[in-house]
Protein backbone atom coordinates (compact mmCIF):
# COMPACT_ATOMS: atom_id res chain seq x y z
CA MET A 1 0.00 0.00 0.00
CA GLY A 2 2.85 2.40 0.81
CA ASP A 3 4.54 1.71 -2.56
CA HIS A 4 1.33 2.52 -4.41
CA ARG A 5 0.98 5.87 -2.61
CA ASN A 6 4.62 6.75 -3.35
CA ALA A 7 4.07 5.94 -7.05
CA VAL A 8 0.98 8.20 -7.16
CA ILE A 9 2.86 11.06 -5.47
CA SER A 10 5.80 10.62 -7.89
CA ASN A 11 3.44 10.70 -10.90
CA ASN A 12 1.73 13.83 -9.57
CA ARG A 13 5.08 15.60 -9.21
CA ARG A 14 6.01 14.75 -12.82
CA ALA A 15 2.62 15.98 -14.01
CA GLU A 16 3.07 19.24 -12.08
CA LYS A 17 6.51 19.76 -13.66
CA GLY A 18 5.01 19.26 -17.12
CA GLN A 19 2.17 21.63 -16.30
CA SER A 20 4.67 24.28 -15.18
CA LEU A 21 6.56 23.97 -18.46
CA VAL A 22 3.36 24.38 -20.48
CA GLU A 23 2.38 27.45 -18.42
CA LEU A 24 5.86 28.91 -18.90
CA ALA A 25 5.74 28.34 -22.67
CA ILE A 26 2.31 29.95 -23.03
CA GLY A 27 3.21 32.85 -20.74
CA MET A 28 6.52 33.54 -22.51
CA THR A 29 4.83 33.46 -25.92
CA ILE A 30 2.28 36.03 -24.82
CA MET A 31 4.97 38.20 -23.21
CA LEU A 32 7.13 38.14 -26.36
CA LEU A 33 4.14 39.08 -28.52
CA LEU A 34 3.36 42.00 -26.23
CA LEU A 35 6.99 43.14 -26.20
CA SER A 36 7.27 43.02 -29.98
CA GLY A 37 4.03 45.03 -30.22
CA ILE A 38 5.38 47.62 -27.80
CA PHE A 39 8.60 47.79 -29.83
CA ASP A 40 6.65 48.40 -33.06
CA ILE A 41 4.46 51.06 -31.45
CA GLY A 42 7.59 52.81 -30.20
CA ARG A 43 9.15 52.76 -33.68
CA ALA A 44 5.93 54.08 -35.22
CA ILE A 45 5.71 56.93 -32.70
CA PHE A 46 9.35 57.84 -33.24
CA THR A 47 8.85 57.79 -37.03
CA GLN A 48 5.74 59.96 -36.68
CA PHE A 49 7.68 62.50 -34.61
CA ALA A 50 10.50 62.53 -37.19
CA LEU A 51 8.02 63.14 -40.03
CA GLN A 52 6.32 65.93 -38.08
CA ASP A 53 9.67 67.55 -37.28
CA ALA A 54 10.72 67.40 -40.94
CA ALA A 55 7.43 68.97 -42.07
CA GLU A 56 7.89 71.79 -39.56
CA GLU A 57 11.49 72.31 -40.70
CA GLY A 58 10.32 72.61 -44.31
CA LEU A 59 7.59 75.03 -43.28
CA VAL A 60 9.99 77.26 -41.34
CA TYR A 61 12.18 77.53 -44.42
CA GLY A 62 9.22 77.82 -46.80
CA ILE A 63 7.40 80.69 -45.13
CA GLY A 64 10.56 82.76 -45.49
CA PHE A 65 11.44 81.61 -49.00
CA PRO A 66 8.17 80.47 -50.60
CA ASN A 67 9.45 80.68 -54.18
CA GLN A 68 12.12 78.01 -53.60
CA CYS A 69 9.96 74.90 -53.82
CA ASP A 70 12.81 72.47 -54.53
CA ALA A 71 14.80 73.83 -51.60
CA ILE A 72 11.81 73.34 -49.28
CA GLU A 73 11.52 69.68 -50.32
CA SER A 74 15.29 69.21 -49.99
CA ARG A 75 15.20 70.68 -46.50
CA VAL A 76 12.52 68.18 -45.47
CA MET A 77 14.38 65.19 -46.94
CA GLU A 78 17.73 66.23 -45.43
CA ASN A 79 16.10 66.55 -42.03
CA LEU A 80 14.80 62.97 -42.25
CA GLN A 81 18.08 61.55 -43.56
CA ASN A 82 19.99 63.17 -40.69
CA SER A 83 17.61 61.95 -37.97
CA VAL A 84 18.55 59.18 -35.52
CA LEU A 85 16.37 56.76 -37.49
CA PRO A 86 17.07 57.74 -41.13
CA ILE A 87 13.96 57.67 -43.31
CA ALA A 88 14.45 57.55 -47.06
CA LEU A 89 11.90 59.54 -49.02
CA THR A 90 11.37 60.64 -52.59
CA THR A 91 10.13 64.06 -53.68
CA GLU A 92 6.71 62.47 -54.21
CA ASP A 93 6.48 61.83 -50.45
CA VAL A 94 6.78 65.57 -49.75
CA LYS A 95 3.89 67.83 -50.78
CA VAL A 96 4.15 71.60 -50.51
CA THR A 97 1.01 73.57 -51.27
CA ILE A 98 0.32 77.28 -51.16
CA ALA A 99 -3.30 78.38 -50.86
CA GLY A 100 -4.35 74.84 -51.84
CA SER A 101 -2.33 74.74 -55.07
CA PRO A 102 1.01 73.01 -55.69
CA CYS A 103 4.06 75.10 -54.84
CA GLY A 104 5.18 77.07 -57.89
CA ASP A 105 1.68 77.29 -59.43
CA VAL A 106 0.57 80.31 -57.38
CA THR A 107 1.31 84.01 -57.60
CA LEU A 108 3.05 84.56 -54.30
CA GLN A 109 1.84 87.19 -51.93
CA TYR A 110 2.10 87.94 -48.26
CA GLY A 111 -0.38 86.13 -46.02
CA LEU A 112 -1.12 83.03 -48.12
CA ARG A 113 -1.34 79.72 -46.29
CA MET A 114 1.44 77.19 -46.88
CA ASP A 115 1.04 73.49 -46.06
CA VAL A 116 3.88 70.96 -45.92
CA ASN A 117 2.87 67.28 -45.82
CA VAL A 118 5.35 64.43 -45.47
CA SER A 119 4.26 60.80 -45.64
CA SER A 120 6.09 57.51 -45.35
CA ALA A 121 5.13 53.85 -45.37
CA PHE A 122 5.82 52.16 -42.04
CA VAL A 123 6.43 48.41 -42.16
CA ILE A 124 5.22 46.46 -39.11
CA SER A 125 7.58 43.77 -37.83
CA MET A 126 5.36 42.30 -35.09
CA PRO A 127 4.59 38.58 -35.48
CA PHE A 128 1.28 37.82 -37.22
CA LEU A 129 1.37 41.31 -38.79
CA THR A 130 4.84 41.14 -40.35
CA GLY A 131 5.02 42.94 -43.67
CA GLN A 132 1.83 44.95 -43.15
CA THR A 133 2.30 48.65 -43.83
CA ILE A 134 0.63 51.77 -42.55
CA THR A 135 1.13 55.28 -43.84
CA LEU A 136 2.37 57.84 -41.34
CA THR A 137 2.05 61.55 -42.12
CA GLY A 138 3.56 64.71 -40.69
CA THR A 139 1.78 67.99 -41.45
CA ALA A 140 2.68 71.61 -40.80
CA ASN A 141 1.02 74.82 -41.97
CA GLY A 142 1.70 78.51 -41.64
CA THR A 143 1.45 81.90 -43.29
CA ILE A 144 3.90 83.16 -45.91
CA LEU A 145 5.98 86.00 -44.51
CA ARG A 146 7.64 87.14 -47.74
CA PRO A 147 7.37 89.34 -49.60
CA PRO A 148 6.59 91.67 -46.68
CA PRO A 149 3.54 93.96 -46.92
CA GLY A 150 4.10 97.05 -49.04
CA SER A 151 7.00 95.68 -51.12
């Protein structure tokens, strides 16, 4: 009778060890998925901030020199290439509009609204969503300061 009870206790201990391993595997899988999601969200937020900063940099230059459309776009792209997380863009990813029309198509005058939009595709690396992309956009707008009134 004593041997039978010892065998049952021994089997229960083995079963508990196996149960602990299963719980650990499931728990670690969930934790790793959450961590990879947090990592992706952090990258997306950082990319969004970089795009917003680049749009604002282009706007600051553009409201002072609104007739230099190519220079505004270059300023935006240089800002992104020199950031901590370099983002490669083309000129098609940067849109500069003045009073709702493309830069260069408007007769410039003091007080017109300038918009700078920068967009980039963000590739998700989280498991189960790997390869999915979302478009992140940075936008800045302001009023043209040149030429000054009366000139």
